[in-house]
Amino acid sequence: MGVAPAWQGKGVGSRLLAAALEVADNWMNLRRVELTVYADNEAAHNLYRKFGFEVEGRLRDYALRDGVFVYTFSMARLRTSA
């Protein structure tokens, strides 16, 4: 998921993620949703934590960004049975 810089900080990411999790929970009945996020993207970490995601691991030199290898975090959200 990505949000254009002009739209960041306006709730667009929250609405996109809420819609995706609505499908995951209520249409697909998924128990686990996973993602990876750049380790230095604090805004994304905060967004994902707000929706119940937790860091499960650090992936060293996982992605090449601007010619430099960077770390990412593996995050997941587990839904408990109702």
PDB file of N, CA and C in Angstrom:
ATOM      1  N   MET A   1       0.847  -1.156   0.000  1.00  0.00           N
ATOM      2  CA  MET A   1       0.000   0.000   0.000  1.00  0.00           C
ATOM      3  C   MET A   1       0.899   1.227   0.000  1.00  0.00           C
ATOM      4  N   GLY A   2       0.536   2.192  -0.737  1.00  0.00           N
ATOM      5  CA  GLY A   2       1.273   3.442  -0.747  1.00  0.00           C
ATOM      6  C   GLY A   2       0.310   4.600  -0.904  1.00  0.00           C
ATOM      7  N   VAL A   3       0.684   5.723  -0.317  1.00  0.00           N
ATOM      8  CA  VAL A   3      -0.131   6.932  -0.405  1.00  0.00           C
ATOM      9  C   VAL A   3       0.758   8.042  -0.965  1.00  0.00           C
ATOM     10  N   ALA A   4       0.292   8.708  -1.997  1.00  0.00           N
ATOM     11  CA  ALA A   4       1.054   9.790  -2.612  1.00  0.00           C
ATOM     12  C   ALA A   4       1.373  10.860  -1.571  1.00  0.00           C
ATOM     13  N   PRO A   5       2.560  11.450  -1.661  1.00  0.00           N
ATOM     14  CA  PRO A   5       2.957  12.455  -0.661  1.00  0.00           C
ATOM     15  C   PRO A   5       1.922  13.554  -0.430  1.00  0.00           C
ATOM     16  N   ALA A   6       1.261  14.009  -1.469  1.00  0.00           N
ATOM     17  CA  ALA A   6       0.268  15.078  -1.316  1.00  0.00           C
ATOM     18  C   ALA A   6      -0.926  14.656  -0.454  1.00  0.00           C
ATOM     19  N   TRP A   7      -1.158  13.358  -0.322  1.00  0.00           N
ATOM     20  CA  TRP A   7      -2.307  12.854   0.431  1.00  0.00           C
ATOM     21  C   TRP A   7      -1.929  12.275   1.789  1.00  0.00           C
ATOM     22  N   GLN A   8      -0.660  12.247   2.124  1.00  0.00           N
ATOM     23  CA  GLN A   8      -0.229  11.702   3.406  1.00  0.00           C
ATOM     24  C   GLN A   8      -0.669  12.603   4.547  1.00  0.00           C
ATOM     25  N   GLY A   9      -0.974  11.981   5.680  1.00  0.00           N
ATOM     26  CA  GLY A   9      -1.405  12.726   6.860  1.00  0.00           C
ATOM     27  C   GLY A   9      -2.841  13.194   6.813  1.00  0.00           C
ATOM     28  N   LYS A  10      -3.627  12.685   5.860  1.00  0.00           N
ATOM     29  CA  LYS A  10      -5.020  13.112   5.706  1.00  0.00           C
ATOM     30  C   LYS A  10      -6.015  11.976   5.939  1.00  0.00           C
ATOM     31  N   GLY A  11      -5.525  10.857   6.495  1.00  0.00           N
ATOM     32  CA  GLY A  11      -6.415   9.736   6.794  1.00  0.00           C
ATOM     33  C   GLY A  11      -6.611   8.756   5.664  1.00  0.00           C
ATOM     34  N   VAL A  12      -5.966   8.983   4.539  1.00  0.00           N
ATOM     35  CA  VAL A  12      -6.143   8.095   3.383  1.00  0.00           C
ATOM     36  C   VAL A  12      -5.626   6.695   3.709  1.00  0.00           C
ATOM     37  N   GLY A  13      -4.443   6.597   4.318  1.00  0.00           N
ATOM     38  CA  GLY A  13      -3.879   5.296   4.671  1.00  0.00           C
ATOM     39  C   GLY A  13      -4.774   4.537   5.629  1.00  0.00           C
ATOM     40  N   SER A  14      -5.324   5.234   6.603  1.00  0.00           N
ATOM     41  CA  SER A  14      -6.237   4.588   7.561  1.00  0.00           C
ATOM     42  C   SER A  14      -7.473   4.037   6.860  1.00  0.00           C
ATOM     43  N   ARG A  15      -8.010   4.813   5.933  1.00  0.00           N
ATOM     44  CA  ARG A  15      -9.213   4.351   5.220  1.00  0.00           C
ATOM     45  C   ARG A  15      -8.906   3.171   4.307  1.00  0.00           C
ATOM     46  N   LEU A  16      -7.753   3.212   3.638  1.00  0.00           N
ATOM     47  CA  LEU A  16      -7.364   2.084   2.780  1.00  0.00           C
ATOM     48  C   LEU A  16      -7.160   0.816   3.594  1.00  0.00           C
ATOM     49  N   LEU A  17      -6.435   0.951   4.703  1.00  0.00           N
ATOM     50  CA  LEU A  17      -6.165  -0.223   5.525  1.00  0.00           C
ATOM     51  C   LEU A  17      -7.443  -0.756   6.163  1.00  0.00           C
ATOM     52  N   ALA A  18      -8.312   0.124   6.624  1.00  0.00           N
ATOM     53  CA  ALA A  18      -9.583  -0.308   7.191  1.00  0.00           C
ATOM     54  C   ALA A  18     -10.407  -1.081   6.165  1.00  0.00           C
ATOM     55  N   ALA A  19     -10.425  -0.618   4.930  1.00  0.00           N
ATOM     56  CA  ALA A  19     -11.174  -1.308   3.876  1.00  0.00           C
ATOM     57  C   ALA A  19     -10.564  -2.678   3.583  1.00  0.00           C
ATOM     58  N   ALA A  20      -9.236  -2.744   3.530  1.00  0.00           N
ATOM     59  CA  ALA A  20      -8.570  -4.031   3.275  1.00  0.00           C
ATOM     60  C   ALA A  20      -8.840  -5.022   4.405  1.00  0.00           C
ATOM     61  N   LEU A  21      -8.805  -4.550   5.636  1.00  0.00           N
ATOM     62  CA  LEU A  21      -9.049  -5.445   6.771  1.00  0.00           C
ATOM     63  C   LEU A  21     -10.515  -5.832   6.881  1.00  0.00           C
ATOM     64  N   GLU A  22     -11.407  -4.968   6.427  1.00  0.00           N
ATOM     65  CA  GLU A  22     -12.828  -5.321   6.362  1.00  0.00           C
ATOM     66  C   GLU A  22     -13.023  -6.532   5.454  1.00  0.00           C
ATOM     67  N   VAL A  23     -12.375  -6.524   4.308  1.00  0.00           N
ATOM     68  CA  VAL A  23     -12.453  -7.665   3.389  1.00  0.00           C
ATOM     69  C   VAL A  23     -11.801  -8.896   4.022  1.00  0.00           C
ATOM     70  N   ALA A  24     -10.611  -8.711   4.599  1.00  0.00           N
ATOM     71  CA  ALA A  24      -9.889  -9.834   5.207  1.00  0.00           C
ATOM     72  C   ALA A  24     -10.709 -10.483   6.322  1.00  0.00           C
ATOM     73  N   ASP A  25     -11.334  -9.666   7.157  1.00  0.00           N
ATOM     74  CA  ASP A  25     -12.076 -10.185   8.309  1.00  0.00           C
ATOM     75  C   ASP A  25     -13.448 -10.726   7.944  1.00  0.00           C
ATOM     76  N   ASN A  26     -14.198  -9.968   7.164  1.00  0.00           N
ATOM     77  CA  ASN A  26     -15.612 -10.272   6.981  1.00  0.00           C
ATOM     78  C   ASN A  26     -15.967 -10.974   5.679  1.00  0.00           C
ATOM     79  N   TRP A  27     -15.067 -10.972   4.725  1.00  0.00           N
ATOM     80  CA  TRP A  27     -15.331 -11.659   3.456  1.00  0.00           C
ATOM     81  C   TRP A  27     -14.455 -12.894   3.298  1.00  0.00           C
ATOM     82  N   MET A  28     -13.205 -12.760   3.682  1.00  0.00           N
ATOM     83  CA  MET A  28     -12.257 -13.870   3.507  1.00  0.00           C
ATOM     84  C   MET A  28     -12.060 -14.676   4.793  1.00  0.00           C
ATOM     85  N   ASN A  29     -12.528 -14.135   5.913  1.00  0.00           N
ATOM     86  CA  ASN A  29     -12.414 -14.784   7.219  1.00  0.00           C
ATOM     87  C   ASN A  29     -10.967 -15.162   7.546  1.00  0.00           C
ATOM     88  N   LEU A  30     -10.043 -14.257   7.231  1.00  0.00           N
ATOM     89  CA  LEU A  30      -8.633 -14.524   7.506  1.00  0.00           C
ATOM     90  C   LEU A  30      -8.346 -14.328   8.983  1.00  0.00           C
ATOM     91  N   ARG A  31      -7.533 -15.195   9.511  1.00  0.00           N
ATOM     92  CA  ARG A  31      -7.089 -15.071  10.900  1.00  0.00           C
ATOM     93  C   ARG A  31      -5.811 -14.242  10.983  1.00  0.00           C
ATOM     94  N   ARG A  32      -4.972 -14.329   9.950  1.00  0.00           N
ATOM     95  CA  ARG A  32      -3.659 -13.688   9.967  1.00  0.00           C
ATOM     96  C   ARG A  32      -3.483 -12.827   8.718  1.00  0.00           C
ATOM     97  N   VAL A  33      -3.031 -11.592   8.908  1.00  0.00           N
ATOM     98  CA  VAL A  33      -2.672 -10.705   7.804  1.00  0.00           C
ATOM     99  C   VAL A  33      -1.238 -10.254   8.064  1.00  0.00           C
ATOM    100  N   GLU A  34      -0.386 -10.390   7.063  1.00  0.00           N
ATOM    101  CA  GLU A  34       1.034 -10.059   7.194  1.00  0.00           C
ATOM    102  C   GLU A  34       1.413  -8.927   6.251  1.00  0.00           C
ATOM    103  N   LEU A  35       2.504  -8.218   6.611  1.00  0.00           N
ATOM    104  CA  LEU A  35       3.048  -7.193   5.721  1.00  0.00           C
ATOM    105  C   LEU A  35       4.520  -6.992   6.038  1.00  0.00           C
ATOM    106  N   THR A  36       5.209  -6.336   5.140  1.00  0.00           N
ATOM    107  CA  THR A  36       6.569  -5.871   5.405  1.00  0.00           C
ATOM    108  C   THR A  36       6.580  -4.367   5.194  1.00  0.00           C
ATOM    109  N   VAL A  37       7.410  -3.701   5.969  1.00  0.00           N
ATOM    110  CA  VAL A  37       7.469  -2.239   5.922  1.00  0.00           C
ATOM    111  C   VAL A  37       8.911  -1.815   6.148  1.00  0.00           C
ATOM    112  N   TYR A  38       9.346  -0.778   5.451  1.00  0.00           N
ATOM    113  CA  TYR A  38      10.698  -0.265   5.675  1.00  0.00           C
ATOM    114  C   TYR A  38      10.872   0.081   7.147  1.00  0.00           C
ATOM    115  N   ALA A  39      12.005  -0.291   7.698  1.00  0.00           N
ATOM    116  CA  ALA A  39      12.262  -0.083   9.121  1.00  0.00           C
ATOM    117  C   ALA A  39      12.273   1.394   9.504  1.00  0.00           C
ATOM    118  N   ASP A  40      12.600   2.266   8.567  1.00  0.00           N
ATOM    119  CA  ASP A  40      12.668   3.700   8.897  1.00  0.00           C
ATOM    120  C   ASP A  40      11.366   4.456   8.600  1.00  0.00           C
ATOM    121  N   ASN A  41      10.300   3.760   8.270  1.00  0.00           N
ATOM    122  CA  ASN A  41       9.022   4.406   7.955  1.00  0.00           C
ATOM    123  C   ASN A  41       8.146   4.433   9.207  1.00  0.00           C
ATOM    124  N   GLU A  42       8.444   5.354  10.108  1.00  0.00           N
ATOM    125  CA  GLU A  42       7.750   5.439  11.397  1.00  0.00           C
ATOM    126  C   GLU A  42       6.260   5.726  11.237  1.00  0.00           C
ATOM    127  N   ALA A  43       5.887   6.535  10.257  1.00  0.00           N
ATOM    128  CA  ALA A  43       4.457   6.829  10.046  1.00  0.00           C
ATOM    129  C   ALA A  43       3.691   5.548   9.719  1.00  0.00           C
ATOM    130  N   ALA A  44       4.270   4.704   8.882  1.00  0.00           N
ATOM    131  CA  ALA A  44       3.616   3.433   8.541  1.00  0.00           C
ATOM    132  C   ALA A  44       3.550   2.512   9.746  1.00  0.00           C
ATOM    133  N   HIS A  45       4.632   2.446  10.526  1.00  0.00           N
ATOM    134  CA  HIS A  45       4.611   1.603  11.732  1.00  0.00           C
ATOM    135  C   HIS A  45       3.465   2.023  12.641  1.00  0.00           C
ATOM    136  N   ASN A  46       3.319   3.326  12.847  1.00  0.00           N
ATOM    137  CA  ASN A  46       2.246   3.828  13.713  1.00  0.00           C
ATOM    138  C   ASN A  46       0.872   3.463  13.172  1.00  0.00           C
ATOM    139  N   LEU A  47       0.698   3.596  11.874  1.00  0.00           N
ATOM    140  CA  LEU A  47      -0.576   3.229  11.256  1.00  0.00           C
ATOM    141  C   LEU A  47      -0.875   1.754  11.473  1.00  0.00           C
ATOM    142  N   TYR A  48       0.090   0.896  11.186  1.00  0.00           N
ATOM    143  CA  TYR A  48      -0.136  -0.543  11.321  1.00  0.00           C
ATOM    144  C   TYR A  48      -0.368  -0.941  12.769  1.00  0.00           C
ATOM    145  N   ARG A  49       0.358  -0.347  13.701  1.00  0.00           N
ATOM    146  CA  ARG A  49       0.139  -0.638  15.130  1.00  0.00           C
ATOM    147  C   ARG A  49      -1.274  -0.234  15.544  1.00  0.00           C
ATOM    148  N   LYS A  50      -1.741   0.889  15.019  1.00  0.00           N
ATOM    149  CA  LYS A  50      -3.094   1.363  15.328  1.00  0.00           C
ATOM    150  C   LYS A  50      -4.149   0.319  14.956  1.00  0.00           C
ATOM    151  N   PHE A  51      -3.858  -0.476  13.931  1.00  0.00           N
ATOM    152  CA  PHE A  51      -4.789  -1.498  13.468  1.00  0.00           C
ATOM    153  C   PHE A  51      -4.461  -2.889  14.018  1.00  0.00           C
ATOM    154  N   GLY A  52      -3.583  -2.943  15.015  1.00  0.00           N
ATOM    155  CA  GLY A  52      -3.327  -4.213  15.690  1.00  0.00           C
ATOM    156  C   GLY A  52      -2.164  -5.031  15.173  1.00  0.00           C
ATOM    157  N   PHE A  53      -1.378  -4.491  14.253  1.00  0.00           N
ATOM    158  CA  PHE A  53      -0.210  -5.216  13.752  1.00  0.00           C
ATOM    159  C   PHE A  53       0.926  -5.126  14.759  1.00  0.00           C
ATOM    160  N   GLU A  54       1.709  -6.199  14.846  1.00  0.00           N
ATOM    161  CA  GLU A  54       2.872  -6.239  15.714  1.00  0.00           C
ATOM    162  C   GLU A  54       4.088  -6.660  14.911  1.00  0.00           C
ATOM    163  N   VAL A  55       5.253  -6.136  15.276  1.00  0.00           N
ATOM    164  CA  VAL A  55       6.499  -6.529  14.626  1.00  0.00           C
ATOM    165  C   VAL A  55       6.840  -7.948  15.051  1.00  0.00           C
ATOM    166  N   GLU A  56       7.087  -8.812  14.079  1.00  0.00           N
ATOM    167  CA  GLU A  56       7.472 -10.192  14.358  1.00  0.00           C
ATOM    168  C   GLU A  56       8.930 -10.463  14.021  1.00  0.00           C
ATOM    169  N   GLY A  57       9.526  -9.608  13.218  1.00  0.00           N
ATOM    170  CA  GLY A  57      10.921  -9.827  12.882  1.00  0.00           C
ATOM    171  C   GLY A  57      11.514  -8.676  12.097  1.00  0.00           C
ATOM    172  N   ARG A  58      12.832  -8.651  12.074  1.00  0.00           N
ATOM    173  CA  ARG A  58      13.588  -7.651  11.310  1.00  0.00           C
ATOM    174  C   ARG A  58      14.294  -8.393  10.183  1.00  0.00           C
ATOM    175  N   LEU A  59      14.115  -7.904   8.975  1.00  0.00           N
ATOM    176  CA  LEU A  59      14.705  -8.539   7.794  1.00  0.00           C
ATOM    177  C   LEU A  59      15.842  -7.653   7.300  1.00  0.00           C
ATOM    178  N   ARG A  60      17.071  -8.103   7.518  1.00  0.00           N
ATOM    179  CA  ARG A  60      18.253  -7.310   7.186  1.00  0.00           C
ATOM    180  C   ARG A  60      18.500  -7.304   5.686  1.00  0.00           C
ATOM    181  N   ASP A  61      18.887  -6.133   5.158  1.00  0.00           N
ATOM    182  CA  ASP A  61      19.201  -5.977   3.733  1.00  0.00           C
ATOM    183  C   ASP A  61      18.137  -6.633   2.842  1.00  0.00           C
ATOM    184  N   TYR A  62      16.908  -6.398   3.177  1.00  0.00           N
ATOM    185  CA  TYR A  62      15.780  -7.042   2.499  1.00  0.00           C
ATOM    186  C   TYR A  62      15.442  -6.402   1.160  1.00  0.00           C
ATOM    187  N   ALA A  63      15.597  -5.090   1.089  1.00  0.00           N
ATOM    188  CA  ALA A  63      15.178  -4.379  -0.119  1.00  0.00           C
ATOM    189  C   ALA A  63      16.268  -3.401  -0.555  1.00  0.00           C
ATOM    190  N   LEU A  64      16.323  -3.186  -1.852  1.00  0.00           N
ATOM    191  CA  LEU A  64      17.255  -2.211  -2.417  1.00  0.00           C
ATOM    192  C   LEU A  64      16.468  -0.935  -2.695  1.00  0.00           C
ATOM    193  N   ARG A  65      16.801   0.146  -1.979  1.00  0.00           N
ATOM    194  CA  ARG A  65      16.107   1.420  -2.130  1.00  0.00           C
ATOM    195  C   ARG A  65      17.145   2.501  -2.400  1.00  0.00           C
ATOM    196  N   ASP A  66      17.018   3.159  -3.532  1.00  0.00           N
ATOM    197  CA  ASP A  66      17.951   4.220  -3.928  1.00  0.00           C
ATOM    198  C   ASP A  66      19.399   3.727  -3.918  1.00  0.00           C
ATOM    199  N   GLY A  67      19.590   2.494  -4.357  1.00  0.00           N
ATOM    200  CA  GLY A  67      20.928   1.930  -4.472  1.00  0.00           C
ATOM    201  C   GLY A  67      21.540   1.428  -3.176  1.00  0.00           C
ATOM    202  N   VAL A  68      20.766   1.424  -2.105  1.00  0.00           N
ATOM    203  CA  VAL A  68      21.261   0.986  -0.795  1.00  0.00           C
ATOM    204  C   VAL A  68      20.334  -0.095  -0.256  1.00  0.00           C
ATOM    205  N   PHE A  69      20.920  -1.156   0.301  1.00  0.00           N
ATOM    206  CA  PHE A  69      20.108  -2.180   0.937  1.00  0.00           C
ATOM    207  C   PHE A  69      19.582  -1.658   2.271  1.00  0.00           C
ATOM    208  N   VAL A  70      18.309  -1.894   2.542  1.00  0.00           N
ATOM    209  CA  VAL A  70      17.678  -1.409   3.763  1.00  0.00           C
ATOM    210  C   VAL A  70      16.959  -2.548   4.482  1.00  0.00           C
ATOM    211  N   TYR A  71      16.783  -2.353   5.759  1.00  0.00           N
ATOM    212  CA  TYR A  71      16.058  -3.309   6.586  1.00  0.00           C
ATOM    213  C   TYR A  71      14.558  -3.074   6.437  1.00  0.00           C
ATOM    214  N   THR A  72      13.814  -4.134   6.657  1.00  0.00           N
ATOM    215  CA  THR A  72      12.367  -4.023   6.772  1.00  0.00           C
ATOM    216  C   THR A  72      11.932  -4.767   8.023  1.00  0.00           C
ATOM    217  N   PHE A  73      10.733  -4.487   8.457  1.00  0.00           N
ATOM    218  CA  PHE A  73      10.118  -5.235   9.539  1.00  0.00           C
ATOM    219  C   PHE A  73       9.032  -6.108   8.957  1.00  0.00           C
ATOM    220  N   SER A  74       8.937  -7.306   9.470  1.00  0.00           N
ATOM    221  CA  SER A  74       7.817  -8.200   9.179  1.00  0.00           C
ATOM    222  C   SER A  74       6.791  -7.967  10.289  1.00  0.00           C
ATOM    223  N   MET A  75       5.583  -7.614   9.891  1.00  0.00           N
ATOM    224  CA  MET A  75       4.528  -7.346  10.860  1.00  0.00           C
ATOM    225  C   MET A  75       3.333  -8.235  10.542  1.00  0.00           C
ATOM    226  N   ALA A  76       2.550  -8.554  11.564  1.00  0.00           N
ATOM    227  CA  ALA A  76       1.358  -9.369  11.369  1.00  0.00           C
ATOM    228  C   ALA A  76       0.275  -8.933  12.350  1.00  0.00           C
ATOM    229  N   ARG A  77      -0.933  -9.199  11.939  1.00  0.00           N
ATOM    230  CA  ARG A  77      -2.116  -8.964  12.781  1.00  0.00           C
ATOM    231  C   ARG A  77      -2.870 -10.278  12.852  1.00  0.00           C
ATOM    232  N   LEU A  78      -3.070 -10.765  14.079  1.00  0.00           N
ATOM    233  CA  LEU A  78      -3.807 -11.995  14.290  1.00  0.00           C
ATOM    234  C   LEU A  78      -5.178 -11.659  14.863  1.00  0.00           C
ATOM    235  N   ARG A  79      -6.171 -12.202  14.254  1.00  0.00           N
ATOM    236  CA  ARG A  79      -7.547 -11.969  14.726  1.00  0.00           C
ATOM    237  C   ARG A  79      -7.955 -13.150  15.589  1.00  0.00           C
ATOM    238  N   THR A  80      -8.430 -12.878  16.772  1.00  0.00           N
ATOM    239  CA  THR A  80      -8.873 -13.948  17.657  1.00  0.00           C
ATOM    240  C   THR A  80     -10.277 -14.372  17.262  1.00  0.00           C
ATOM    241  N   SER A  81     -10.616 -15.588  17.531  1.00  0.00           N
ATOM    242  CA  SER A  81     -11.946 -16.092  17.210  1.00  0.00           C
ATOM    243  C   SER A  81     -12.977 -15.432  18.114  1.00  0.00           C
ATOM    244  N   ALA A  82     -14.090 -15.091  17.525  1.00  0.00           N
ATOM    245  CA  ALA A  82     -15.144 -14.418  18.286  1.00  0.00           C
ATOM    246  C   ALA A  82     -16.053 -15.424  18.954  1.00  0.00           C
TER     247      ALA A  82
END
